[in-house]
Every structure is written in C-alpha cells, then in structure tokens.
Amino acid sequence: MSKQKDLIKNTIIIAFGKLSTQFLTFLLLPLYTSYLTTSEFGTVDLAMTYIGLLAPLIMVALEMAAFRFLIDARDIEKEKIRVITNVLQMVGLFAVIALLLFAVVSRFVAVPFGWLMPGVVLAIIASNMLLQFARGFGDNVKYSIGGVVAGVTTIAANILFIVYMGMGAEGMLFGVLIGNLAVAAYLFVVLKVHRFIILSASDKSLKLKLLRYSAPLVPNGMSWWAINAADRTVVAIVLGVASNGIYAVAYKFPMIFNGLFSFFGMSWTESASMNIEKRDRDEFFSQTMNASIRLFGSLGLCIIAGVSLVFTLLVSQTYHEAYMYIPLLIVGSFFNSIVSLYGAIYIAKKMTKQVMNSSIIAAFISILLTVCLISQIGLFAPALAMVAAYGSMAVYRHHDVKKFVNITYDYKSFTILALAFVAVATLYYINSPLLNILNVLVALGISVILNRSIISIIKTKLFARLRPLTPEQQILEDIEEKKL
C-alpha cells in the first residue's frame, strides 16, 4: 500500500474515534451555557487548562517517547515489553511524587475542587499513555474505538451530573474523570497491556534513552501552557473569571478545527516517522505539506463562515460577546496546525530539542503580548497573542526544517488563501443574515477550487475500490506502488 493510501486510511480511522470526543462534547455547549454561569464556566475552564499542563509535565512527555519507540519495535515482541515496562515504571514513579507534592501544597494553599483535580490529572495520564500505546502498535482501530468510548462516557456523565444532579462545574470535572478512566480501562484490556509489563525488563540505559527523547518535548507543553493557560490566567486576574468564561466559549469553536486537524496530525506523525529515511522523502513531504495547508486553511474559512449561521443557536445570550473573538482564534489554530506539521518532522528525526527551541520563542511572544495589550483591547489581546505566537513558531520551524528536509511550496495557492481569509472575516463581522449565507457559499467555493487534487485522490483511492480492477489496472498500480 502506498504512502498516500496509508496516510488517508489512518486519517479516516483516527477521525472516526476523534469525532466522538471532539464533536459530541461540542454539542454539549448549549448545555454548558444554559446550566453554568460565566463565572462557573470560566473557573472550570481554567482548572481544565491547568490540568492540561500538569498531565504532560508529570509524564515528562514519555507517552510520545512510547509512541515513537514502539513504531520501531512493532515486529519485536521483546522490545515492546522493554519500552512499555520502562515507560510505565517511570510514569508511575513521577505520579507518586506528584501526589505527595499535592498533599503538601494543599495543606497551605486552597486548591479548587480539592482532590478531584489530581484525580482528573491521573485519569488523563492513564488514557493518554494507553492511547499512545495503541498508536505505537499501529492499531488505529482500537485507538479510534477508545475515542468513541471516551466521548460517549463523558457526555453521559456530564448530562447526569450537571442536568440531573445539579453539580455544576464540579460535575464537568467528574465527567472528564470518568470518561478518561473508561477509555484507559478499555484499552488496557483490548491491547492486553499486562502481557508487556515484566519487571525483569527494567533497563536503566533504556530509561535514560527514553528520557533524552521525551524531556525536550516538555517545553513544548510549557509553550502550550503559556499560549493557552497563561493568557487565561491573565484574563482571570485582570478581567475576572466571568470574562474567562466568555473567552472559553469562544475557544470552543476553534476546537472544531483542532479536532479535525488532530485526525490528520496523528496519522501524519506516524507516516513521517515511517518515511523520513526514504529516498523520495522530500517529494512526499512537500506534497503532504502543500495539500495540508490548503485543506486546513480551507477548513478555517468554512468554520468562520459557518459559525455566523449557528452561533445564536448554540450559545445563550449571556455569552454572545464570544462571537467577536472566534475568527482570530481560528487563524491562530490554523497557524498551530502548520506548527504541528513541522513538529511531526522533528519527531520523525528524533530532534526534539528543536521542538523545545521554537516553543520557548512562541511562549515568550504570547505572554508578552497578552500582558501588554489586555488592559487596552480586552479579550482581543489573548486572541492576537495566539495568532502571533503560533505564526512566529511556524515561520521559525519553516526555516529550521529546511536544514534537513527540502520542502517546496505552492505560494500562489497560499496567497489566494490569505485573501480569502480577509474576505470571509469581513463578511463575518458585518453579520448580515443574507451575507452570512453568501459567506458560506464563498468559503465552500474557494475550498473546492483549492482542494481539487485532494478531492480527486479521495475519489480514486477510496471509491474506485467499489469496482474491481482489471488485470492491466492492477499491474499498473503495483508498478506505481513499487516506485513509491
């Protein structure tokens, strides 16, 4: 099977699972905005942001090391045992240390939601680790089903705790806890992880090797905190938790973009790692990068245009200010997707220090702009800081990656895409019912034009299989795949 087919197939499988998590939970937005005040929503959003920081810090990004090293060990059972045993030993030790530190800190500092916070952190650590095991094994089907389990369980728990039990913000956290525990339990059983845990496989040298790979990825998580958590912290301090609730609702819409990109991003990371040393690498990477930027740029256009039609249906009047910040956050998410495309190349080359360097630059820009501008332009400050931070990181990685991978770009398409963003955003802010419909049509039209090659690939690679190939066609396809 060719590289392109593998990439498309894996993306579709991963998307099936991620859709349940990203979009089913997104559909709970009317529930959240109806049952939670802006202050409650702002508080729980801040708590989840810090949880998102603590989980990768405690793991020291070892879940990514497990994923990358398991790719190389897919056909070597003993190596799988060594990787999983040593990763779990280290993560278990770090988790115990973190719990002890929390017990000490909580005696002197009032921690919101008490022991529920570390409970959610540990549940997320367990689910993330097992999800990466599934990806490392190449078992994207089980990974996808795990996403379905997480999404359905979280939604059911949220409805139970928030609507029927009236637990408010605390109910949201309980939903996250139960959802992550459910997917961790499912994957532990179906992947038969117990077979790969053998204490005698403990290896100090392998632990050091795994840490050398994963540790430089931690600042990447820190940059995510600076760009996402630090600006929320600044918002809460300067403007109040109610304003953070508004910003959190605005950020739910870019999460559609992030969710859709994550389908491809995870499959691209695997594909990049498997093809980084192939002789046609530069051509394959250039094709993928160009197609990805066109596709996800077009996705950003469609989301901006589409939000203007559905916003009032999904969000209660109390949160309507959030409408103003969504286009900037979508653009920031688009730049972040470009950053992630380059990040996959770093991971494939096992050059995680470069990930760290660019992340530090972005973090500094984000914090500086948010602090300097928030008093003047309010919630526009963190949104602009996000665009600037991820945009600068994308530019840095573009020039840095050139040192070892020669990627050529179609700048004509990118110019069209940039002009389209300006036009769609302008119509979005005018916010006229008729122009909103026109805006959706314009966004869809531009997207079809920019992505004709992808549409053609999907037709030929996916739907052509509905018809059996003739012997001549099969021979030609075999020759093409051998070239790839």
Protein backbone atom coordinates (compact mmCIF):
# COMPACT_ATOMS: atom_id res chain seq x y z
CA MET A 1 0.00 0.00 0.00
CA SER A 2 1.42 3.43 -0.99
CA LYS A 3 2.31 6.22 1.43
CA GLN A 4 -0.67 8.30 0.34
CA LYS A 5 -3.09 5.41 0.86
CA ASP A 6 -1.67 4.69 4.31
CA LEU A 7 -2.00 8.34 5.26
CA ILE A 8 -5.59 8.62 4.05
CA LYS A 9 -6.64 5.29 5.61
CA ASN A 10 -5.10 6.08 9.00
CA THR A 11 -6.61 9.57 8.97
CA ILE A 12 -10.10 8.17 8.35
CA ILE A 13 -9.75 5.55 11.10
CA ILE A 14 -8.45 8.08 13.64
CA ALA A 15 -11.13 10.57 12.61
CA PHE A 16 -13.88 8.08 13.40
CA GLY A 17 -12.78 7.93 17.02
CA LYS A 18 -11.89 11.58 17.46
CA LEU A 19 -15.22 12.75 16.07
CA SER A 20 -16.94 11.22 19.07
CA THR A 21 -14.71 13.07 21.53
CA GLN A 22 -14.43 16.45 19.81
CA PHE A 23 -17.86 16.94 18.28
CA LEU A 24 -20.18 15.12 20.61
CA THR A 25 -18.72 17.13 23.50
CA PHE A 26 -19.00 20.28 21.37
CA LEU A 27 -22.72 19.61 21.06
CA LEU A 28 -22.89 19.95 24.85
CA LEU A 29 -22.11 23.67 24.50
CA PRO A 30 -25.82 24.64 24.77
CA LEU A 31 -26.00 22.60 27.99
CA TYR A 32 -22.92 24.27 29.48
CA THR A 33 -24.02 27.81 28.59
CA SER A 34 -27.53 27.15 29.89
CA TYR A 35 -26.70 25.44 33.20
CA LEU A 36 -23.43 27.19 34.11
CA THR A 37 -22.86 30.88 34.78
CA THR A 38 -20.00 32.66 33.01
CA SER A 39 -18.04 32.58 36.29
CA GLU A 40 -18.59 28.83 36.76
CA PHE A 41 -17.64 28.08 33.18
CA GLY A 42 -14.59 30.34 33.44
CA THR A 43 -13.45 28.62 36.63
CA VAL A 44 -13.77 25.07 35.29
CA ASP A 45 -12.09 26.11 32.02
CA LEU A 46 -9.15 27.48 33.98
CA ALA A 47 -9.00 24.27 36.03
CA MET A 48 -9.00 22.12 32.88
CA THR A 49 -6.28 24.28 31.36
CA TYR A 50 -4.02 23.70 34.35
CA ILE A 51 -4.87 20.00 34.28
CA GLY A 52 -3.79 20.02 30.64
CA LEU A 53 -0.46 21.47 31.76
CA LEU A 54 0.14 19.12 34.69
CA ALA A 55 -0.56 15.84 32.89
CA PRO A 56 2.27 16.11 30.29
CA LEU A 57 4.61 17.57 32.91
CA ILE A 58 4.13 14.58 35.21
CA MET A 59 4.55 12.19 32.28
CA VAL A 60 7.62 14.15 31.07
CA ALA A 61 6.14 13.55 27.58
CA LEU A 62 7.01 9.85 27.94
CA GLU A 63 3.78 8.93 26.16
CA MET A 64 5.30 10.42 22.99
CA ALA A 65 8.53 8.50 23.57
CA ALA A 66 6.48 5.31 23.94
CA PHE A 67 4.67 6.04 20.66
CA ARG A 68 7.88 6.76 18.73
CA PHE A 69 9.91 3.84 20.11
CA LEU A 70 7.04 1.38 19.69
CA ILE A 71 6.88 2.24 15.99
CA ASP A 72 10.43 0.88 15.63
CA ALA A 73 9.53 -2.19 17.74
CA ARG A 74 6.29 -3.25 16.04
CA ASP A 75 7.69 -6.59 14.92
CA ILE A 76 9.86 -7.22 18.00
CA GLU A 77 7.87 -8.52 20.96
CA LYS A 78 10.73 -8.31 23.46
CA GLU A 79 11.37 -4.68 22.56
CA LYS A 80 7.70 -3.83 23.12
CA ILE A 81 7.98 -5.31 26.60
CA ARG A 82 11.12 -3.27 27.33
CA VAL A 83 9.60 0.01 26.14
CA ILE A 84 6.23 -0.37 27.90
CA THR A 85 7.66 -1.70 31.16
CA ASN A 86 10.24 1.06 31.50
CA VAL A 87 7.84 3.84 30.46
CA LEU A 88 5.21 2.71 32.97
CA GLN A 89 7.77 2.39 35.75
CA MET A 90 8.92 5.99 35.23
CA VAL A 91 5.43 7.44 34.85
CA GLY A 92 4.25 5.57 37.96
CA LEU A 93 7.14 6.97 39.99
CA PHE A 94 6.53 10.52 38.75
CA ALA A 95 2.80 10.22 39.52
CA VAL A 96 3.50 9.15 43.12
CA ILE A 97 5.89 12.09 43.57
CA ALA A 98 3.28 14.47 42.15
CA LEU A 99 0.60 13.18 44.56
CA LEU A 100 2.93 13.66 47.52
CA LEU A 101 3.69 17.21 46.41
CA PHE A 102 -0.03 17.93 46.02
CA ALA A 103 -0.71 16.61 49.53
CA VAL A 104 1.89 19.03 50.92
CA VAL A 105 0.81 22.04 48.84
CA SER A 106 -2.91 21.53 49.56
CA ARG A 107 -2.21 21.93 53.30
CA PHE A 108 -1.12 25.52 52.72
CA VAL A 109 -2.99 26.57 49.54
CA ALA A 110 -6.71 26.21 48.84
CA VAL A 111 -6.92 24.16 45.63
CA PRO A 112 -10.21 24.48 43.69
CA PHE A 113 -12.17 21.20 43.59
CA GLY A 114 -9.74 19.60 46.09
CA TRP A 115 -8.60 16.04 45.35
CA LEU A 116 -10.81 15.91 42.27
CA MET A 117 -8.11 17.85 40.39
CA PRO A 118 -5.26 15.30 40.84
CA GLY A 119 -7.81 12.53 40.19
CA VAL A 120 -8.59 14.02 36.77
CA VAL A 121 -4.88 14.52 36.06
CA LEU A 122 -4.09 10.86 36.78
CA ALA A 123 -7.05 9.67 34.69
CA ILE A 124 -5.84 11.76 31.75
CA ILE A 125 -2.30 10.41 32.18
CA ALA A 126 -3.61 6.83 32.08
CA SER A 127 -5.78 7.39 28.99
CA ASN A 128 -3.11 9.35 27.09
CA MET A 129 -0.48 6.70 27.79
CA LEU A 130 -2.66 3.83 26.64
CA LEU A 131 -3.86 5.73 23.56
CA GLN A 132 -0.22 6.23 22.53
CA PHE A 133 0.46 2.52 23.10
CA ALA A 134 -2.33 1.75 20.62
CA ARG A 135 -0.86 4.17 18.07
CA GLY A 136 2.63 2.80 18.63
CA PHE A 137 1.35 -0.72 17.93
CA GLY A 138 -0.19 0.61 14.70
CA ASP A 139 -3.64 -0.37 15.97
CA ASN A 140 -5.53 2.76 14.96
CA VAL A 141 -8.86 0.91 15.03
CA LYS A 142 -8.62 0.30 18.78
CA TYR A 143 -7.36 3.87 19.21
CA SER A 144 -10.43 5.08 17.36
CA ILE A 145 -12.82 2.94 19.39
CA GLY A 146 -11.15 4.32 22.52
CA GLY A 147 -12.14 7.79 21.35
CA VAL A 148 -15.75 6.66 20.99
CA VAL A 149 -15.71 5.20 24.49
CA ALA A 150 -14.29 8.43 25.92
CA GLY A 151 -16.76 10.66 24.08
CA VAL A 152 -19.92 8.72 24.86
CA THR A 153 -18.97 8.17 28.52
CA THR A 154 -18.07 11.83 29.07
CA ILE A 155 -21.31 13.05 27.53
CA ALA A 156 -23.46 10.66 29.54
CA ALA A 157 -21.65 11.61 32.76
CA ASN A 158 -22.00 15.35 32.03
CA ILE A 159 -25.73 15.07 31.47
CA LEU A 160 -26.13 13.02 34.65
CA PHE A 161 -24.02 15.24 36.92
CA ILE A 162 -24.92 18.68 35.52
CA VAL A 163 -28.58 18.32 34.49
CA TYR A 164 -29.98 15.69 36.85
CA MET A 165 -27.71 16.07 39.90
CA GLY A 166 -27.09 19.83 39.60
CA MET A 167 -23.37 19.53 40.38
CA GLY A 168 -22.37 22.44 38.09
CA ALA A 169 -18.67 22.92 37.36
CA GLU A 170 -17.71 20.01 39.60
CA GLY A 171 -19.97 17.78 37.50
CA MET A 172 -17.99 18.68 34.38
CA LEU A 173 -14.77 17.55 36.05
CA PHE A 174 -16.36 14.29 37.20
CA GLY A 175 -17.43 13.70 33.60
CA VAL A 176 -13.86 14.16 32.37
CA LEU A 177 -12.57 11.83 35.11
CA ILE A 178 -15.00 9.02 34.27
CA GLY A 179 -14.54 9.41 30.51
CA ASN A 180 -10.75 9.07 30.74
CA LEU A 181 -10.93 6.13 33.15
CA ALA A 182 -13.32 4.36 30.79
CA VAL A 183 -11.01 4.63 27.77
CA ALA A 184 -7.97 3.63 29.88
CA ALA A 185 -9.77 0.51 31.14
CA TYR A 186 -10.96 -0.40 27.64
CA LEU A 187 -7.51 -0.10 26.05
CA PHE A 188 -5.75 -1.89 28.90
CA VAL A 189 -7.99 -4.90 28.30
CA VAL A 190 -8.14 -4.99 24.48
CA LEU A 191 -4.43 -4.27 23.99
CA LYS A 192 -3.60 -6.87 26.66
CA VAL A 193 -1.11 -4.44 28.15
CA HIS A 194 -0.46 -6.76 31.09
CA ARG A 195 1.49 -9.02 28.71
CA PHE A 196 4.03 -6.25 28.17
CA ILE A 197 4.67 -5.47 31.84
CA ILE A 198 7.56 -7.60 33.08
CA LEU A 199 9.56 -6.15 35.96
CA SER A 200 12.71 -8.02 34.96
CA ALA A 201 12.72 -5.97 31.72
CA SER A 202 13.64 -2.86 33.71
CA ASP A 203 16.61 -1.21 32.00
CA LYS A 204 18.31 1.93 33.27
CA SER A 205 20.01 2.68 29.95
CA LEU A 206 16.70 2.45 28.07
CA LYS A 207 15.05 4.72 30.64
CA LEU A 208 17.75 7.33 30.02
CA LYS A 209 17.31 6.95 26.26
CA LEU A 210 13.55 7.44 26.54
CA LEU A 211 14.01 10.48 28.78
CA ARG A 212 16.57 12.03 26.42
CA TYR A 213 13.94 11.80 23.70
CA SER A 214 10.95 12.94 25.74
CA ALA A 215 12.39 15.62 28.05
CA PRO A 216 12.91 18.25 25.31
CA LEU A 217 9.22 17.84 24.43
CA VAL A 218 8.22 19.14 27.88
CA PRO A 219 8.94 22.80 26.99
CA ASN A 220 6.61 22.27 24.03
CA GLY A 221 3.90 21.50 26.58
CA MET A 222 5.02 24.54 28.57
CA SER A 223 4.63 26.72 25.49
CA TRP A 224 1.12 25.38 25.08
CA TRP A 225 0.53 26.45 28.69
CA ALA A 226 1.95 29.90 28.02
CA ILE A 227 -0.20 30.36 24.95
CA ASN A 228 -3.37 28.87 26.42
CA ALA A 229 -3.15 28.76 30.21
CA ALA A 230 -1.12 31.92 30.84
CA ASP A 231 -3.47 34.08 28.78
CA ARG A 232 -6.46 32.57 30.60
CA THR A 233 -4.74 33.28 33.91
CA VAL A 234 -4.10 36.88 32.89
CA VAL A 235 -7.71 37.22 31.74
CA ALA A 236 -8.99 35.88 35.05
CA ILE A 237 -6.74 38.23 37.06
CA VAL A 238 -7.24 41.41 35.00
CA LEU A 239 -10.79 40.99 33.65
CA GLY A 240 -12.27 38.37 36.02
CA VAL A 241 -13.35 34.73 35.73
CA ALA A 242 -16.60 35.77 34.01
CA SER A 243 -14.57 37.17 31.11
CA ASN A 244 -12.59 33.95 31.07
CA GLY A 245 -15.91 32.14 30.68
CA ILE A 246 -16.66 34.25 27.60
CA TYR A 247 -13.22 33.50 26.17
CA ALA A 248 -13.64 29.79 26.93
CA VAL A 249 -16.87 29.67 24.91
CA ALA A 250 -15.17 31.47 22.00
CA TYR A 251 -12.37 28.91 22.14
CA LYS A 252 -14.84 26.02 21.79
CA PHE A 253 -15.24 26.84 18.07
CA PRO A 254 -11.53 26.64 17.19
CA MET A 255 -11.63 23.28 18.96
CA ILE A 256 -13.64 22.05 15.94
CA PHE A 257 -10.64 22.97 13.81
CA ASN A 258 -8.17 21.47 16.27
CA GLY A 259 -10.21 18.28 16.46
CA LEU A 260 -10.37 17.83 12.69
CA PHE A 261 -6.67 18.58 12.31
CA SER A 262 -5.78 16.13 15.07
CA PHE A 263 -7.22 13.29 12.93
CA PHE A 264 -4.69 14.03 10.24
CA GLY A 265 -1.92 15.24 12.55
CA MET A 266 -1.62 11.93 14.39
CA SER A 267 -1.65 9.92 11.19
CA TRP A 268 0.89 12.34 9.63
CA THR A 269 3.22 11.95 12.63
CA GLU A 270 3.21 8.18 12.16
CA SER A 271 3.65 8.45 8.39
CA ALA A 272 6.51 10.96 8.72
CA SER A 273 8.33 8.67 11.17
CA MET A 274 7.98 5.69 8.83
CA ASN A 275 9.12 7.57 5.69
CA ILE A 276 11.73 10.01 7.00
CA GLU A 277 14.63 7.97 5.59
CA LYS A 278 13.03 7.06 2.24
CA ARG A 279 14.73 8.34 -0.91
CA ASP A 280 11.60 10.15 -2.17
CA ARG A 281 11.09 11.78 1.23
CA ASP A 282 11.36 15.42 0.05
CA GLU A 283 8.77 14.97 -2.69
CA PHE A 284 6.36 13.14 -0.37
CA PHE A 285 6.76 15.70 2.42
CA SER A 286 6.34 18.64 0.01
CA GLN A 287 3.14 17.18 -1.44
CA THR A 288 1.74 16.49 2.00
CA MET A 289 2.62 19.91 3.45
CA ASN A 290 1.13 21.81 0.49
CA ALA A 291 -2.04 19.75 0.44
CA SER A 292 -2.41 20.01 4.23
CA ILE A 293 -2.06 23.80 4.33
CA ARG A 294 -4.62 24.19 1.54
CA LEU A 295 -7.02 21.74 3.15
CA PHE A 296 -6.88 23.08 6.70
CA GLY A 297 -6.77 26.69 5.56
CA SER A 298 -9.99 25.97 3.69
CA LEU A 299 -11.40 24.31 6.80
CA GLY A 300 -10.70 27.50 8.75
CA LEU A 301 -12.58 29.53 6.13
CA CYS A 302 -15.62 27.24 6.32
CA ILE A 303 -15.71 27.27 10.13
CA ILE A 304 -15.56 31.09 10.31
CA ALA A 305 -18.35 31.40 7.75
CA GLY A 306 -20.41 28.63 9.32
CA VAL A 307 -20.22 30.00 12.87
CA SER A 308 -22.14 33.12 11.82
CA LEU A 309 -25.12 30.90 10.92
CA VAL A 310 -25.22 28.67 14.02
CA PHE A 311 -23.76 30.80 16.83
CA THR A 312 -27.06 32.04 18.27
CA LEU A 313 -28.50 28.51 18.14
CA LEU A 314 -25.65 27.05 20.23
CA VAL A 315 -24.81 29.83 22.67
CA SER A 316 -27.10 31.60 25.10
CA GLN A 317 -27.40 35.40 25.08
CA THR A 318 -25.16 35.74 28.16
CA TYR A 319 -22.16 34.52 26.16
CA HIS A 320 -22.76 36.38 22.87
CA GLU A 321 -19.66 38.58 23.25
CA ALA A 322 -17.64 35.44 22.39
CA TYR A 323 -18.68 35.90 18.73
CA MET A 324 -16.17 38.72 18.31
CA TYR A 325 -13.05 36.66 19.02
CA ILE A 326 -13.69 33.49 17.03
CA PRO A 327 -12.06 34.45 13.66
CA LEU A 328 -8.76 35.38 15.31
CA LEU A 329 -8.78 32.13 17.30
CA ILE A 330 -9.45 30.15 14.12
CA VAL A 331 -6.47 31.82 12.41
CA GLY A 332 -4.34 31.04 15.45
CA SER A 333 -5.44 27.41 15.29
CA PHE A 334 -4.57 27.30 11.58
CA PHE A 335 -1.04 28.52 12.33
CA ASN A 336 -0.84 25.93 15.10
CA SER A 337 -1.69 23.22 12.59
CA ILE A 338 1.27 24.32 10.45
CA VAL A 339 3.46 24.21 13.55
CA SER A 340 2.28 20.65 14.21
CA LEU A 341 3.02 19.58 10.63
CA TYR A 342 6.63 20.65 11.14
CA GLY A 343 6.64 19.13 14.62
CA ALA A 344 5.94 15.70 13.09
CA ILE A 345 9.13 16.03 11.06
CA TYR A 346 11.15 16.84 14.18
CA ILE A 347 9.66 13.82 15.94
CA ALA A 348 10.42 11.62 12.93
CA LYS A 349 14.06 12.76 13.04
CA LYS A 350 14.08 12.39 16.85
CA MET A 351 15.18 16.04 17.02
CA THR A 352 13.07 17.04 19.99
CA LYS A 353 15.44 19.82 21.09
CA GLN A 354 14.34 21.84 18.04
CA VAL A 355 10.75 21.49 19.24
CA MET A 356 11.85 22.98 22.56
CA ASN A 357 13.65 25.97 20.99
CA SER A 358 10.74 27.14 18.85
CA SER A 359 8.27 26.55 21.69
CA ILE A 360 10.18 28.87 24.03
CA ILE A 361 10.12 31.66 21.44
CA ALA A 362 6.36 31.32 20.96
CA ALA A 363 5.71 31.23 24.71
CA PHE A 364 7.61 34.47 25.25
CA ILE A 365 5.72 36.26 22.47
CA SER A 366 2.33 35.08 23.77
CA ILE A 367 2.89 36.14 27.38
CA LEU A 368 4.41 39.49 26.43
CA LEU A 369 1.60 40.49 24.06
CA THR A 370 -1.20 39.35 26.36
CA VAL A 371 0.18 41.25 29.37
CA CYS A 372 0.91 44.41 27.38
CA LEU A 373 -2.37 44.61 25.45
CA ILE A 374 -5.10 43.20 27.69
CA SER A 375 -5.78 46.48 29.51
CA GLN A 376 -6.20 48.30 26.17
CA ILE A 377 -8.12 45.82 23.99
CA GLY A 378 -9.53 43.30 26.47
CA LEU A 379 -10.14 39.76 25.20
CA PHE A 380 -8.74 40.63 21.78
CA ALA A 381 -5.30 40.57 23.45
CA PRO A 382 -5.01 36.80 24.09
CA ALA A 383 -6.57 36.07 20.69
CA LEU A 384 -4.00 38.26 18.90
CA ALA A 385 -1.22 36.83 21.07
CA MET A 386 -2.22 33.34 19.97
CA VAL A 387 -2.02 34.33 16.28
CA ALA A 388 1.38 35.99 16.77
CA ALA A 389 2.81 33.14 18.85
CA TYR A 390 1.85 30.29 16.55
CA GLY A 391 2.58 32.37 13.44
CA SER A 392 6.13 33.13 14.61
CA MET A 393 6.65 29.48 15.59
CA ALA A 394 5.53 28.35 12.12
CA VAL A 395 7.98 30.75 10.43
CA TYR A 396 10.84 29.61 12.69
CA ARG A 397 10.19 25.92 12.07
CA HIS A 398 9.81 26.50 8.33
CA HIS A 399 13.34 27.88 8.08
CA ASP A 400 14.80 25.39 10.56
CA VAL A 401 13.35 22.30 8.85
CA LYS A 402 15.00 23.37 5.58
CA LYS A 403 18.32 22.25 7.07
CA PHE A 404 17.41 18.57 6.72
CA VAL A 405 14.25 18.30 4.59
CA ASN A 406 13.80 20.19 1.32
CA ILE A 407 10.13 21.23 1.20
CA THR A 408 8.91 23.30 -1.76
CA TYR A 409 5.69 25.31 -1.57
CA ASP A 410 2.92 26.50 -3.89
CA TYR A 411 2.83 30.16 -2.83
CA LYS A 412 0.15 31.07 -5.37
CA SER A 413 -2.41 28.94 -3.55
CA PHE A 414 -1.33 30.39 -0.21
CA THR A 415 -1.86 33.95 -1.49
CA ILE A 416 -5.39 33.04 -2.59
CA LEU A 417 -5.99 31.51 0.83
CA ALA A 418 -4.80 34.63 2.66
CA LEU A 419 -7.06 36.92 0.60
CA ALA A 420 -9.97 34.55 1.19
CA PHE A 421 -9.46 34.79 4.96
CA VAL A 422 -9.70 38.59 4.77
CA ALA A 423 -12.91 38.45 2.69
CA VAL A 424 -14.61 35.79 4.83
CA ALA A 425 -13.70 37.54 8.10
CA THR A 426 -15.06 40.85 6.76
CA LEU A 427 -18.42 39.31 5.90
CA TYR A 428 -18.43 37.53 9.28
CA TYR A 429 -18.16 40.81 11.21
CA ILE A 430 -20.81 42.54 9.07
CA ASN A 431 -23.07 39.72 10.30
CA SER A 432 -26.00 40.21 7.94
CA PRO A 433 -28.27 37.13 7.51
CA LEU A 434 -28.07 37.21 3.70
CA LEU A 435 -24.33 37.95 3.68
CA ASN A 436 -23.74 35.13 6.14
CA ILE A 437 -25.30 32.68 3.68
CA LEU A 438 -23.23 34.19 0.86
CA ASN A 439 -20.15 33.88 3.07
CA VAL A 440 -20.68 30.14 3.49
CA LEU A 441 -21.07 29.71 -0.28
CA VAL A 442 -17.90 31.73 -0.94
CA ALA A 443 -15.91 29.73 1.61
CA LEU A 444 -17.13 26.42 0.18
CA GLY A 445 -16.41 27.51 -3.40
CA ILE A 446 -12.85 28.60 -2.62
CA SER A 447 -12.28 25.39 -0.68
CA VAL A 448 -13.35 23.23 -3.62
CA ILE A 449 -11.09 25.17 -6.01
CA LEU A 450 -8.05 24.96 -3.72
CA ASN A 451 -8.51 21.27 -2.94
CA ARG A 452 -9.37 19.78 -6.31
CA SER A 453 -6.37 17.46 -6.17
CA ILE A 454 -7.36 16.10 -2.75
CA ILE A 455 -10.95 15.56 -3.89
CA SER A 456 -9.61 13.68 -6.90
CA ILE A 457 -7.35 11.49 -4.72
CA ILE A 458 -10.24 10.63 -2.41
CA LYS A 459 -12.38 9.62 -5.37
CA THR A 460 -9.72 7.45 -6.98
CA LYS A 461 -8.24 5.92 -3.82
CA LEU A 462 -11.41 5.27 -1.87
CA PHE A 463 -14.32 4.93 -4.23
CA ALA A 464 -12.52 3.26 -7.13
CA ARG A 465 -12.28 0.14 -4.94
CA LEU A 466 -16.02 -0.28 -5.34
CA ARG A 467 -15.18 -1.55 -8.84
CA PRO A 468 -12.79 -4.49 -9.22
CA LEU A 469 -9.55 -3.62 -11.02
CA THR A 470 -8.81 -5.18 -14.38
CA PRO A 471 -5.58 -7.21 -14.58
CA GLU A 472 -3.97 -4.37 -16.55
CA GLN A 473 -5.00 -1.77 -13.94
CA GLN A 474 -3.69 -3.99 -11.12
CA ILE A 475 -0.29 -4.31 -12.86
CA LEU A 476 -0.07 -0.52 -13.34
CA GLU A 477 -0.99 0.10 -9.70
CA ASP A 478 1.62 -2.41 -8.50
CA ILE A 479 4.28 -0.64 -10.58
CA GLU A 480 3.23 2.74 -9.16
CA GLU A 481 3.40 1.49 -5.55
CA LYS A 482 6.86 -0.02 -6.12
CA LYS A 483 8.07 3.37 -7.32
CA LEU A 484 6.71 4.96 -4.13
